[in-house]
N, C-alpha and C. Protein backbone atom coordinates (compact mmCIF):
# COMPACT_ATOMS: atom_id res chain seq x y z
N MET A 1 15.13 71.93 76.10
CA MET A 1 14.96 71.40 74.92
C MET A 1 15.81 71.96 73.86
N ALA A 2 16.11 73.19 74.10
CA ALA A 2 16.81 73.94 73.11
C ALA A 2 18.32 73.33 72.62
N ASP A 3 18.77 72.60 73.62
CA ASP A 3 20.02 72.02 73.53
C ASP A 3 19.97 70.57 72.69
N LEU A 4 18.65 70.14 72.54
CA LEU A 4 18.60 68.80 71.97
C LEU A 4 18.82 68.84 70.47
N LYS A 5 19.58 67.83 69.94
CA LYS A 5 19.85 67.96 68.74
C LYS A 5 19.08 66.74 68.01
N LEU A 6 18.40 66.96 66.94
CA LEU A 6 17.62 65.96 66.44
C LEU A 6 18.34 65.53 65.06
N SER A 7 18.19 64.20 64.52
CA SER A 7 18.65 63.69 63.33
C SER A 7 17.72 64.42 62.14
N GLU A 8 18.40 64.41 61.05
CA GLU A 8 17.58 65.13 60.08
C GLU A 8 16.20 64.37 59.70
N LYS A 9 16.20 63.20 59.82
CA LYS A 9 14.84 62.47 59.79
C LYS A 9 13.85 62.82 60.80
N LEU A 10 14.35 62.90 62.18
CA LEU A 10 13.41 63.44 63.23
C LEU A 10 13.08 64.82 62.95
N GLU A 11 13.99 65.65 62.47
CA GLU A 11 13.59 67.09 62.38
C GLU A 11 12.52 67.20 61.19
N LYS A 12 12.66 66.51 60.29
CA LYS A 12 11.70 66.39 59.21
C LYS A 12 10.38 66.13 59.54
N LEU A 13 10.27 65.06 60.57
CA LEU A 13 9.05 64.48 61.04
C LEU A 13 8.52 65.53 62.12
N ALA A 14 9.27 66.22 62.87
CA ALA A 14 8.92 67.17 63.77
C ALA A 14 8.14 68.34 62.91
N LYS A 15 8.74 68.77 61.81
CA LYS A 15 8.08 69.86 61.02
C LYS A 15 6.88 69.38 60.49
N GLU A 16 6.57 68.18 60.12
CA GLU A 16 5.38 67.59 59.55
C GLU A 16 4.44 67.61 60.74
N ILE A 17 4.83 67.35 61.90
CA ILE A 17 3.89 67.28 63.06
C ILE A 17 3.42 68.68 63.44
N GLU A 18 4.45 69.71 63.42
CA GLU A 18 4.05 71.00 63.64
C GLU A 18 2.92 71.56 62.76
N GLY A 19 2.98 71.08 61.45
CA GLY A 19 1.92 71.46 60.46
C GLY A 19 0.54 70.84 60.64
N LEU A 20 0.33 69.97 61.50
CA LEU A 20 -0.93 69.38 61.63
C LEU A 20 -1.96 70.23 62.34
N THR A 21 -3.14 70.03 61.71
CA THR A 21 -4.36 70.71 62.46
C THR A 21 -4.63 69.98 63.74
N VAL A 22 -5.29 70.65 64.86
CA VAL A 22 -5.57 70.08 66.11
C VAL A 22 -6.31 68.88 65.92
N VAL A 23 -7.30 68.61 65.03
CA VAL A 23 -7.93 67.46 64.90
C VAL A 23 -6.96 66.24 64.46
N GLU A 24 -6.19 66.68 63.37
CA GLU A 24 -5.06 65.68 63.05
C GLU A 24 -4.13 65.25 63.99
N MET A 25 -3.70 66.17 64.92
CA MET A 25 -2.92 65.80 66.11
C MET A 25 -3.63 64.95 67.02
N ALA A 26 -4.90 65.13 67.26
CA ALA A 26 -5.55 64.36 68.23
C ALA A 26 -5.74 62.90 67.71
N ASP A 27 -6.12 62.71 66.28
CA ASP A 27 -6.05 61.53 65.59
C ASP A 27 -4.63 60.83 65.77
N LEU A 28 -3.57 61.52 65.47
CA LEU A 28 -2.27 61.03 65.68
C LEU A 28 -2.00 60.39 67.18
N ALA A 29 -2.50 61.24 68.15
CA ALA A 29 -2.25 60.82 69.49
C ALA A 29 -3.06 59.56 69.77
N LYS A 30 -4.26 59.47 69.24
CA LYS A 30 -5.06 58.21 69.57
C LYS A 30 -4.36 57.07 68.80
N TYR A 31 -3.93 57.31 67.58
CA TYR A 31 -3.26 56.19 66.78
C TYR A 31 -2.15 55.68 67.57
N LEU A 32 -1.15 56.53 67.96
CA LEU A 32 0.02 56.08 68.83
C LEU A 32 -0.33 55.40 70.01
N GLU A 33 -1.27 55.97 70.76
CA GLU A 33 -1.83 55.16 71.98
C GLU A 33 -2.21 53.85 71.69
N GLU A 34 -2.91 53.62 70.62
CA GLU A 34 -3.54 52.23 70.33
C GLU A 34 -2.43 51.36 69.72
N LYS A 35 -1.61 52.04 68.85
CA LYS A 35 -0.56 51.21 68.15
C LYS A 35 0.54 50.73 69.25
N PHE A 36 0.95 51.52 69.95
CA PHE A 36 2.08 51.21 70.95
C PHE A 36 1.56 50.99 72.47
N GLY A 37 0.41 51.19 72.79
CA GLY A 37 -0.21 50.72 74.06
C GLY A 37 0.39 51.82 75.06
N VAL A 38 0.66 53.00 74.61
CA VAL A 38 1.10 54.18 75.51
C VAL A 38 0.06 55.19 75.63
N SER A 39 0.26 56.02 76.69
CA SER A 39 -0.82 57.08 77.00
C SER A 39 -0.13 58.47 76.71
N ALA A 40 -0.87 59.39 76.05
CA ALA A 40 -0.36 60.74 75.85
C ALA A 40 -0.36 61.59 77.14
N MET A 41 -0.98 61.07 78.15
CA MET A 41 -1.15 61.79 79.39
C MET A 41 0.29 61.68 80.32
N PRO A 42 0.73 62.99 80.72
CA PRO A 42 2.04 62.83 81.41
C PRO A 42 1.97 62.04 82.72
N VAL A 43 3.00 61.44 83.07
CA VAL A 43 3.10 60.59 84.18
C VAL A 43 2.71 61.18 85.45
N ALA A 44 3.11 62.42 85.78
CA ALA A 44 2.74 63.13 87.00
C ALA A 44 1.36 63.30 87.08
N THR A 45 0.48 63.68 85.97
CA THR A 45 -0.80 63.98 85.99
C THR A 45 -1.56 62.76 86.14
N ALA A 46 -1.03 61.63 85.53
CA ALA A 46 -1.64 60.19 85.77
C ALA A 46 -1.63 59.78 87.12
N ALA A 47 -0.51 60.09 87.74
CA ALA A 47 -0.43 59.41 89.19
C ALA A 47 -1.28 60.34 90.13
N GLN A 48 -1.46 61.59 89.86
CA GLN A 48 -2.30 62.50 90.56
C GLN A 48 -3.62 62.18 90.31
N SER A 49 -4.15 61.97 89.06
CA SER A 49 -5.51 61.66 88.91
C SER A 49 -5.98 60.48 89.42
N ALA A 50 -5.03 59.38 89.48
CA ALA A 50 -5.36 58.13 90.06
C ALA A 50 -5.55 58.16 91.71
N SER A 51 -4.74 59.14 92.24
CA SER A 51 -4.76 59.19 93.65
C SER A 51 -5.87 60.20 94.21
N ALA A 52 -6.26 61.13 93.35
CA ALA A 52 -7.21 62.12 93.63
C ALA A 52 -7.97 62.53 92.64
N PRO A 53 -8.93 61.80 92.19
CA PRO A 53 -9.82 62.00 91.00
C PRO A 53 -10.63 63.37 91.10
N ALA A 54 -11.09 63.65 92.37
CA ALA A 54 -11.92 64.84 92.65
C ALA A 54 -11.29 66.16 92.41
N THR A 55 -9.80 66.21 92.54
CA THR A 55 -9.24 67.53 92.46
C THR A 55 -9.11 67.94 90.86
N ALA A 56 -9.15 67.02 89.96
CA ALA A 56 -9.12 67.28 88.62
C ALA A 56 -10.24 68.03 88.15
N ASP A 57 -11.54 67.72 88.75
CA ASP A 57 -12.81 68.51 88.51
C ASP A 57 -12.79 69.93 88.95
N LYS A 58 -12.04 70.29 89.88
CA LYS A 58 -11.94 71.46 90.53
C LYS A 58 -10.83 72.31 89.95
N GLU A 59 -10.55 72.22 88.61
CA GLU A 59 -9.45 73.16 88.14
C GLU A 59 -9.87 74.74 88.14
N GLU A 60 -9.06 75.49 88.33
CA GLU A 60 -9.42 76.87 88.34
C GLU A 60 -9.50 77.44 86.96
N LYS A 61 -10.65 78.12 86.64
CA LYS A 61 -10.83 78.79 85.46
C LYS A 61 -9.89 79.85 85.11
N THR A 62 -9.44 79.89 83.80
CA THR A 62 -8.61 81.08 83.41
C THR A 62 -9.15 81.99 82.65
N THR A 63 -10.25 81.86 81.93
CA THR A 63 -11.06 82.72 81.31
C THR A 63 -12.56 82.69 81.60
N PHE A 64 -13.05 83.92 81.54
CA PHE A 64 -14.41 84.26 81.99
C PHE A 64 -15.15 84.91 80.88
N THR A 65 -16.52 84.82 80.87
CA THR A 65 -17.48 85.59 80.12
C THR A 65 -18.09 86.58 81.16
N VAL A 66 -18.06 87.83 80.67
CA VAL A 66 -18.91 89.03 81.61
C VAL A 66 -20.14 89.18 80.96
N THR A 67 -21.11 88.92 81.96
CA THR A 67 -22.58 89.30 81.39
C THR A 67 -23.16 90.24 82.29
N LEU A 68 -23.71 91.29 81.74
CA LEU A 68 -24.52 92.36 82.45
C LEU A 68 -25.97 91.61 82.59
N THR A 69 -26.28 91.42 83.87
CA THR A 69 -27.64 90.83 84.25
C THR A 69 -28.67 91.73 84.35
N ASP A 70 -28.18 93.00 84.91
CA ASP A 70 -29.29 94.01 85.21
C ASP A 70 -28.63 95.38 85.24
N ALA A 71 -29.39 96.23 84.89
CA ALA A 71 -28.74 97.68 84.74
C ALA A 71 -28.92 98.43 86.02
N GLY A 72 -29.92 98.08 86.76
CA GLY A 72 -30.14 98.56 88.07
C GLY A 72 -30.85 99.94 87.84
N ALA A 73 -30.86 100.80 88.92
CA ALA A 73 -31.42 102.03 88.84
C ALA A 73 -30.77 103.28 88.12
N ASN A 74 -29.40 103.11 88.13
CA ASN A 74 -28.48 104.14 87.56
C ASN A 74 -28.03 103.79 86.22
N LYS A 75 -28.98 103.66 85.25
CA LYS A 75 -28.70 103.38 83.85
C LYS A 75 -27.64 104.14 83.22
N LEU A 76 -27.62 105.44 83.49
CA LEU A 76 -26.65 106.34 83.04
C LEU A 76 -25.26 105.87 83.30
N GLY A 77 -25.13 105.71 84.68
CA GLY A 77 -23.83 105.33 85.37
C GLY A 77 -23.29 103.97 84.53
N VAL A 78 -24.18 102.98 84.39
CA VAL A 78 -23.83 101.83 83.81
C VAL A 78 -23.55 101.90 82.47
N ILE A 79 -24.22 102.75 81.74
CA ILE A 79 -23.86 103.01 80.32
C ILE A 79 -22.33 103.41 80.20
N LYS A 80 -22.04 104.40 81.17
CA LYS A 80 -20.70 104.99 81.24
C LYS A 80 -19.58 103.70 81.49
N ALA A 81 -19.94 103.13 82.44
CA ALA A 81 -19.16 102.00 82.89
C ALA A 81 -18.85 100.94 81.63
N VAL A 82 -20.07 100.62 80.87
CA VAL A 82 -19.82 99.92 79.76
C VAL A 82 -19.02 100.35 78.69
N ARG A 83 -19.16 101.74 78.47
CA ARG A 83 -18.35 102.41 77.44
C ARG A 83 -16.90 102.41 77.92
N GLU A 84 -16.57 102.37 79.09
CA GLU A 84 -15.28 102.22 79.62
C GLU A 84 -14.59 100.84 79.33
N ILE A 85 -15.53 99.87 79.59
CA ILE A 85 -15.07 98.51 79.31
C ILE A 85 -14.85 98.17 77.76
N LEU A 86 -15.87 98.79 77.06
CA LEU A 86 -15.95 98.56 75.64
C LEU A 86 -15.72 99.98 74.97
N PRO A 87 -14.62 100.43 74.84
CA PRO A 87 -14.39 101.82 74.29
C PRO A 87 -14.76 102.17 72.93
N ASN A 88 -14.90 100.96 72.05
CA ASN A 88 -15.18 101.13 70.77
C ASN A 88 -16.74 101.15 70.44
N LEU A 89 -17.51 101.19 71.58
CA LEU A 89 -18.96 101.06 71.51
C LEU A 89 -19.49 102.54 71.68
N GLY A 90 -20.29 102.77 70.59
CA GLY A 90 -20.86 104.12 70.65
C GLY A 90 -21.93 104.31 71.88
N LEU A 91 -22.34 105.57 72.05
CA LEU A 91 -23.30 105.90 73.20
C LEU A 91 -24.57 105.17 72.84
N MET A 92 -25.22 105.34 71.71
CA MET A 92 -26.50 104.54 71.48
C MET A 92 -26.40 103.01 71.52
N ASP A 93 -25.22 102.54 71.10
CA ASP A 93 -25.04 101.01 71.17
C ASP A 93 -24.88 100.59 72.57
N ALA A 94 -24.17 101.39 73.49
CA ALA A 94 -24.09 101.11 74.85
C ALA A 94 -25.33 101.08 75.60
N LYS A 95 -26.17 102.24 75.17
CA LYS A 95 -27.57 102.24 75.76
C LYS A 95 -28.35 101.13 75.36
N LYS A 96 -28.47 100.75 74.16
CA LYS A 96 -29.23 99.50 73.73
C LYS A 96 -28.79 98.34 74.41
N LEU A 97 -27.54 98.18 74.57
CA LEU A 97 -26.94 96.93 75.19
C LEU A 97 -27.39 96.99 76.80
N VAL A 98 -27.28 98.09 77.33
CA VAL A 98 -27.61 98.04 78.79
C VAL A 98 -29.07 97.83 79.07
N GLU A 99 -29.90 98.42 78.05
CA GLU A 99 -31.33 98.26 78.31
C GLU A 99 -31.89 96.99 77.89
N SER A 100 -31.08 96.28 77.25
CA SER A 100 -31.62 94.86 76.73
C SER A 100 -30.93 93.80 77.67
N ALA A 101 -30.52 94.30 78.88
CA ALA A 101 -29.83 93.15 79.81
C ALA A 101 -30.89 91.92 80.00
N PRO A 102 -30.37 90.92 80.18
CA PRO A 102 -28.95 90.36 80.20
C PRO A 102 -28.36 90.19 78.84
N LYS A 103 -27.03 90.68 78.95
CA LYS A 103 -26.28 90.83 77.53
C LYS A 103 -24.79 90.53 77.83
N GLU A 104 -24.10 89.89 77.06
CA GLU A 104 -22.68 89.61 77.25
C GLU A 104 -21.72 90.92 76.88
N LEU A 105 -20.98 91.19 77.95
CA LEU A 105 -20.14 92.29 77.60
C LEU A 105 -18.75 91.85 77.15
N LEU A 106 -18.16 90.92 77.78
CA LEU A 106 -16.88 90.40 77.29
C LEU A 106 -16.95 88.84 77.19
N ALA A 107 -16.16 88.26 76.31
CA ALA A 107 -16.18 86.86 76.20
C ALA A 107 -14.79 86.30 76.31
N GLU A 108 -14.60 85.29 77.12
CA GLU A 108 -13.25 84.55 77.19
C GLU A 108 -12.11 85.50 77.51
N VAL A 109 -12.24 86.42 78.58
CA VAL A 109 -11.15 87.26 78.98
C VAL A 109 -10.50 86.55 80.29
N LYS A 110 -9.40 87.21 80.50
CA LYS A 110 -8.48 86.68 81.91
C LYS A 110 -9.43 87.20 83.18
N LYS A 111 -9.10 86.48 84.12
CA LYS A 111 -9.66 86.84 85.39
C LYS A 111 -9.64 88.14 85.87
N ASP A 112 -8.45 88.82 85.82
CA ASP A 112 -8.26 90.19 86.31
C ASP A 112 -8.99 91.16 85.30
N GLN A 113 -9.06 90.92 84.18
CA GLN A 113 -9.95 91.80 83.19
C GLN A 113 -11.42 91.62 83.58
N ALA A 114 -11.82 90.41 83.79
CA ALA A 114 -13.26 90.24 84.07
C ALA A 114 -13.73 90.89 85.41
N GLU A 115 -12.75 90.74 86.38
CA GLU A 115 -13.03 91.22 87.79
C GLU A 115 -13.14 92.71 87.73
N GLU A 116 -12.06 93.38 86.92
CA GLU A 116 -12.15 94.87 86.66
C GLU A 116 -13.40 95.20 86.15
N ALA A 117 -13.90 94.60 85.10
CA ALA A 117 -15.00 95.03 84.46
C ALA A 117 -16.44 94.94 85.33
N LYS A 118 -16.21 93.82 86.02
CA LYS A 118 -17.34 93.66 87.06
C LYS A 118 -17.41 94.87 88.24
N LYS A 119 -16.09 95.14 88.55
CA LYS A 119 -16.05 96.22 89.71
C LYS A 119 -16.69 97.56 89.04
N LYS A 120 -16.38 97.65 87.94
CA LYS A 120 -16.79 98.99 87.30
C LYS A 120 -18.28 99.09 87.12
N VAL A 121 -18.90 97.96 86.56
CA VAL A 121 -20.30 97.88 86.40
C VAL A 121 -20.97 97.95 87.85
N GLU A 122 -20.60 97.28 88.67
CA GLU A 122 -21.17 97.27 90.03
C GLU A 122 -21.11 98.44 90.78
N ALA A 123 -19.90 99.13 90.55
CA ALA A 123 -19.76 100.38 91.22
C ALA A 123 -20.83 101.55 90.67
N ALA A 124 -21.24 101.30 89.29
CA ALA A 124 -22.18 102.16 88.82
C ALA A 124 -23.66 101.84 89.05
N GLY A 125 -23.78 100.53 89.85
CA GLY A 125 -25.20 100.25 90.14
C GLY A 125 -25.68 98.91 89.37
N GLY A 126 -24.95 98.53 88.40
CA GLY A 126 -25.46 97.37 87.71
C GLY A 126 -25.10 96.04 88.23
N LYS A 127 -25.71 95.04 87.79
CA LYS A 127 -25.30 93.53 88.26
C LYS A 127 -24.69 92.82 87.08
N VAL A 128 -23.61 92.17 87.54
CA VAL A 128 -22.81 91.46 86.60
C VAL A 128 -22.57 89.99 86.90
N GLU A 129 -22.53 89.06 86.06
CA GLU A 129 -22.24 87.58 86.49
C GLU A 129 -21.08 87.27 85.60
N LEU A 130 -20.13 86.55 86.14
CA LEU A 130 -18.95 85.87 85.60
C LEU A 130 -19.18 84.61 85.42
N LYS A 131 -19.00 83.94 84.08
CA LYS A 131 -19.24 82.63 83.91
C LYS A 131 -17.83 81.96 83.43
């Protein structure tokens, strides 16, 4: 797309669209769909969803929330693991967090980061749930 040259009019229009909020963009897409009878859905996705609607429901998650569900018997080890995961957390805050499980440790993190946090806490004897 970098090689695509736009007229001055189209370039001005593109700049206006770039400045829209998400809500405004959604409204614009809906308006264009109704006005011109087109769909904002890519053709490949439309063909795929028509032939296999069940696969769209099974999209792989890309972000996870890590929740400490139980501290287990080794609270000290779990506190240390929590402080490794959340280095800005003080000792007393980490202790309170562990003792008040179930508590959210990380929100909307990538899968590898969530898995790493889960391994650390479970190695220390705690129980973690990924959502």
